[in-house]
Amino acid sequence: MLYKGDIPGQPVIFYTLRGKFDPENMDVVMEKVYETSLISEDLRIRYKGKLDLNGTEGRPVITGTWDNSMEGTHGNFACRLEE
């Protein structure tokens, strides 16, 4: 079954996002694990990126790639600090 970023019939998705940060080279590695019995525990989204402390409008930003090896999907992502 292909979830396409959502769980059929579930308007709210809960997940845990765990990660590590290497301050020497600004590398960020994260893993998203969904908190539901409706999908396989093997469905994990892995993120790899870099932290730029002087990103968009002077706010820290993380940019990188994500990979869903279970479903064969991948792409780019970006997130920034909102104040």
N, C-alpha and C. Protein backbone atom coordinates (compact mmCIF):
# COMPACT_ATOMS: atom_id res chain seq x y z
N MET A 1 0.84 -1.17 0.00
CA MET A 1 0.00 0.00 0.00
C MET A 1 0.89 1.25 0.00
N LEU A 2 0.61 2.19 -0.83
CA LEU A 2 1.36 3.43 -0.91
C LEU A 2 0.61 4.52 -0.14
N TYR A 3 1.24 5.12 0.84
CA TYR A 3 0.58 6.08 1.72
C TYR A 3 0.62 7.51 1.20
N LYS A 4 1.54 7.83 0.34
CA LYS A 4 1.64 9.16 -0.26
C LYS A 4 1.64 10.28 0.78
N GLY A 5 2.36 10.06 1.88
CA GLY A 5 2.52 11.10 2.89
C GLY A 5 1.35 11.21 3.84
N ASP A 6 0.40 10.30 3.79
CA ASP A 6 -0.76 10.37 4.66
C ASP A 6 -1.22 8.95 4.96
N ILE A 7 -2.05 8.83 5.99
CA ILE A 7 -2.61 7.54 6.35
C ILE A 7 -4.09 7.58 5.98
N PRO A 8 -4.56 6.70 5.10
CA PRO A 8 -5.95 6.73 4.67
C PRO A 8 -6.93 6.73 5.86
N GLY A 9 -7.90 7.66 5.83
CA GLY A 9 -8.91 7.73 6.86
C GLY A 9 -8.48 8.38 8.16
N GLN A 10 -7.25 8.89 8.21
CA GLN A 10 -6.73 9.51 9.43
C GLN A 10 -6.45 10.99 9.19
N PRO A 11 -7.27 11.88 9.76
CA PRO A 11 -7.07 13.31 9.53
C PRO A 11 -5.87 13.89 10.28
N VAL A 12 -5.41 13.19 11.33
CA VAL A 12 -4.28 13.66 12.13
C VAL A 12 -3.23 12.56 12.16
N ILE A 13 -1.98 12.94 11.96
CA ILE A 13 -0.88 11.98 11.97
C ILE A 13 0.04 12.31 13.13
N PHE A 14 0.34 11.32 13.95
CA PHE A 14 1.29 11.49 15.04
C PHE A 14 2.56 10.75 14.70
N TYR A 15 3.69 11.39 14.98
CA TYR A 15 4.97 10.75 14.73
C TYR A 15 6.00 11.30 15.71
N THR A 16 7.08 10.55 15.85
CA THR A 16 8.21 10.98 16.65
C THR A 16 9.34 11.32 15.69
N LEU A 17 9.97 12.44 15.92
CA LEU A 17 11.11 12.86 15.11
C LEU A 17 12.33 12.86 16.01
N ARG A 18 13.28 11.98 15.71
CA ARG A 18 14.52 11.85 16.49
C ARG A 18 15.68 12.27 15.61
N GLY A 19 16.69 12.84 16.24
CA GLY A 19 17.82 13.25 15.42
C GLY A 19 19.10 13.47 16.18
N LYS A 20 20.14 13.74 15.40
CA LYS A 20 21.47 14.05 15.92
C LYS A 20 22.03 15.24 15.17
N PHE A 21 22.83 16.01 15.87
CA PHE A 21 23.46 17.19 15.28
C PHE A 21 24.95 17.12 15.55
N ASP A 22 25.76 17.31 14.51
CA ASP A 22 27.21 17.35 14.63
C ASP A 22 27.66 18.80 14.49
N PRO A 23 28.00 19.47 15.60
CA PRO A 23 28.34 20.89 15.54
C PRO A 23 29.63 21.20 14.79
N GLU A 24 30.49 20.20 14.61
CA GLU A 24 31.75 20.45 13.89
C GLU A 24 31.53 20.72 12.41
N ASN A 25 30.62 19.96 11.79
CA ASN A 25 30.38 20.15 10.35
C ASN A 25 28.95 20.58 10.04
N MET A 26 28.14 20.83 11.10
CA MET A 26 26.75 21.31 10.99
C MET A 26 25.81 20.30 10.34
N ASP A 27 26.17 19.01 10.38
CA ASP A 27 25.31 17.96 9.83
C ASP A 27 24.15 17.65 10.77
N VAL A 28 22.97 17.44 10.18
CA VAL A 28 21.78 17.05 10.92
C VAL A 28 21.26 15.75 10.31
N VAL A 29 20.97 14.77 11.16
CA VAL A 29 20.38 13.51 10.73
C VAL A 29 19.14 13.27 11.60
N MET A 30 18.00 13.02 10.95
CA MET A 30 16.75 12.80 11.69
C MET A 30 16.02 11.59 11.11
N GLU A 31 15.14 11.02 11.94
CA GLU A 31 14.31 9.91 11.50
C GLU A 31 12.90 10.12 12.02
N LYS A 32 11.91 10.04 11.14
CA LYS A 32 10.49 10.16 11.50
C LYS A 32 9.91 8.76 11.63
N VAL A 33 9.30 8.48 12.79
CA VAL A 33 8.66 7.19 13.05
C VAL A 33 7.20 7.47 13.36
N TYR A 34 6.29 6.89 12.60
CA TYR A 34 4.86 7.12 12.78
C TYR A 34 4.35 6.38 14.01
N GLU A 35 3.46 7.01 14.75
CA GLU A 35 2.90 6.48 16.00
C GLU A 35 1.48 5.97 15.76
N THR A 36 1.35 4.91 15.00
CA THR A 36 0.04 4.32 14.72
C THR A 36 0.20 2.85 14.39
N SER A 37 -0.81 2.08 14.73
CA SER A 37 -0.78 0.66 14.38
C SER A 37 -1.32 0.41 12.98
N LEU A 38 -1.73 1.49 12.29
CA LEU A 38 -2.31 1.35 10.96
C LEU A 38 -1.28 1.14 9.85
N ILE A 39 -0.02 1.41 10.16
CA ILE A 39 1.03 1.23 9.15
C ILE A 39 2.17 0.43 9.75
N SER A 40 3.00 -0.10 8.91
CA SER A 40 4.13 -0.93 9.32
C SER A 40 5.13 -0.13 10.16
N GLU A 41 5.66 -0.77 11.19
CA GLU A 41 6.71 -0.15 11.99
C GLU A 41 7.97 0.09 11.16
N ASP A 42 8.08 -0.57 10.02
CA ASP A 42 9.25 -0.41 9.14
C ASP A 42 9.21 0.89 8.35
N LEU A 43 8.05 1.56 8.33
CA LEU A 43 7.96 2.82 7.59
C LEU A 43 8.62 3.93 8.40
N ARG A 44 9.81 4.30 7.98
CA ARG A 44 10.59 5.34 8.64
C ARG A 44 11.13 6.27 7.56
N ILE A 45 11.02 7.55 7.81
CA ILE A 45 11.53 8.53 6.87
C ILE A 45 12.84 9.07 7.44
N ARG A 46 13.90 9.01 6.64
CA ARG A 46 15.21 9.46 7.09
C ARG A 46 15.57 10.78 6.41
N TYR A 47 16.06 11.71 7.20
CA TYR A 47 16.42 13.05 6.74
C TYR A 47 17.91 13.27 6.98
N LYS A 48 18.60 13.86 6.01
CA LYS A 48 20.00 14.26 6.15
C LYS A 48 20.12 15.68 5.64
N GLY A 49 20.74 16.54 6.44
CA GLY A 49 20.84 17.93 6.01
C GLY A 49 21.96 18.68 6.71
N LYS A 50 21.98 19.97 6.45
CA LYS A 50 22.98 20.89 7.03
C LYS A 50 22.24 22.04 7.71
N LEU A 51 22.75 22.44 8.84
CA LEU A 51 22.22 23.61 9.53
C LEU A 51 23.00 24.84 9.11
N ASP A 52 22.28 25.87 8.70
CA ASP A 52 22.87 27.17 8.36
C ASP A 52 22.31 28.16 9.38
N LEU A 53 23.16 28.63 10.28
CA LEU A 53 22.71 29.53 11.34
C LEU A 53 22.30 30.90 10.83
N ASN A 54 22.75 31.28 9.64
CA ASN A 54 22.40 32.57 9.05
C ASN A 54 21.57 32.38 7.79
N GLY A 55 20.56 31.54 7.89
CA GLY A 55 19.74 31.21 6.72
C GLY A 55 18.77 32.32 6.36
N THR A 56 17.61 31.92 5.88
CA THR A 56 16.58 32.83 5.41
C THR A 56 16.27 33.92 6.42
N GLU A 57 16.38 35.18 5.99
CA GLU A 57 16.08 36.34 6.83
C GLU A 57 16.84 36.30 8.16
N GLY A 58 18.03 35.75 8.16
CA GLY A 58 18.85 35.69 9.36
C GLY A 58 18.43 34.64 10.37
N ARG A 59 17.47 33.79 10.01
CA ARG A 59 16.99 32.73 10.90
C ARG A 59 17.69 31.42 10.55
N PRO A 60 17.96 30.59 11.56
CA PRO A 60 18.55 29.27 11.27
C PRO A 60 17.64 28.45 10.35
N VAL A 61 18.27 27.73 9.43
CA VAL A 61 17.53 26.88 8.50
C VAL A 61 18.28 25.57 8.31
N ILE A 62 17.52 24.49 8.17
CA ILE A 62 18.09 23.17 7.85
C ILE A 62 17.59 22.81 6.46
N THR A 63 18.49 22.46 5.56
CA THR A 63 18.12 22.01 4.22
C THR A 63 18.81 20.68 3.95
N GLY A 64 18.14 19.83 3.17
CA GLY A 64 18.74 18.54 2.87
C GLY A 64 17.81 17.66 2.07
N THR A 65 17.98 16.36 2.25
CA THR A 65 17.20 15.37 1.51
C THR A 65 16.51 14.42 2.48
N TRP A 66 15.41 13.82 2.02
CA TRP A 66 14.72 12.79 2.79
C TRP A 66 14.60 11.55 1.94
N ASP A 67 14.47 10.38 2.61
CA ASP A 67 14.39 9.11 1.91
C ASP A 67 13.43 8.17 2.64
N ASN A 68 12.52 7.59 1.89
CA ASN A 68 11.59 6.58 2.38
C ASN A 68 11.92 5.31 1.63
N SER A 69 12.83 4.52 2.16
CA SER A 69 13.30 3.33 1.43
C SER A 69 12.22 2.26 1.32
N MET A 70 11.29 2.21 2.27
CA MET A 70 10.23 1.20 2.21
C MET A 70 9.33 1.40 0.99
N GLU A 71 9.02 2.66 0.67
CA GLU A 71 8.13 2.94 -0.46
C GLU A 71 8.87 3.44 -1.69
N GLY A 72 10.19 3.58 -1.60
CA GLY A 72 10.98 4.00 -2.75
C GLY A 72 10.79 5.45 -3.14
N THR A 73 10.51 6.31 -2.16
CA THR A 73 10.33 7.74 -2.44
C THR A 73 11.43 8.55 -1.75
N HIS A 74 11.67 9.74 -2.29
CA HIS A 74 12.72 10.60 -1.73
C HIS A 74 12.50 12.02 -2.25
N GLY A 75 13.21 12.96 -1.65
CA GLY A 75 13.07 14.34 -2.10
C GLY A 75 13.91 15.29 -1.28
N ASN A 76 13.64 16.57 -1.43
CA ASN A 76 14.35 17.62 -0.70
C ASN A 76 13.45 18.18 0.39
N PHE A 77 14.06 18.74 1.43
CA PHE A 77 13.28 19.38 2.48
C PHE A 77 14.03 20.62 2.97
N ALA A 78 13.29 21.50 3.60
CA ALA A 78 13.87 22.66 4.27
C ALA A 78 12.96 23.02 5.45
N CYS A 79 13.56 23.45 6.53
CA CYS A 79 12.79 23.93 7.67
C CYS A 79 13.58 25.07 8.31
N ARG A 80 12.82 26.01 8.90
CA ARG A 80 13.50 27.15 9.52
C ARG A 80 12.85 27.48 10.84
N LEU A 81 13.58 28.17 11.66
CA LEU A 81 13.09 28.59 12.97
C LEU A 81 12.07 29.69 12.79
N GLU A 82 10.90 29.52 13.40
CA GLU A 82 9.86 30.55 13.40
C GLU A 82 9.89 31.21 14.78
N GLU A 83 9.80 32.52 14.78
CA GLU A 83 9.79 33.24 16.06
C GLU A 83 8.50 33.97 16.25
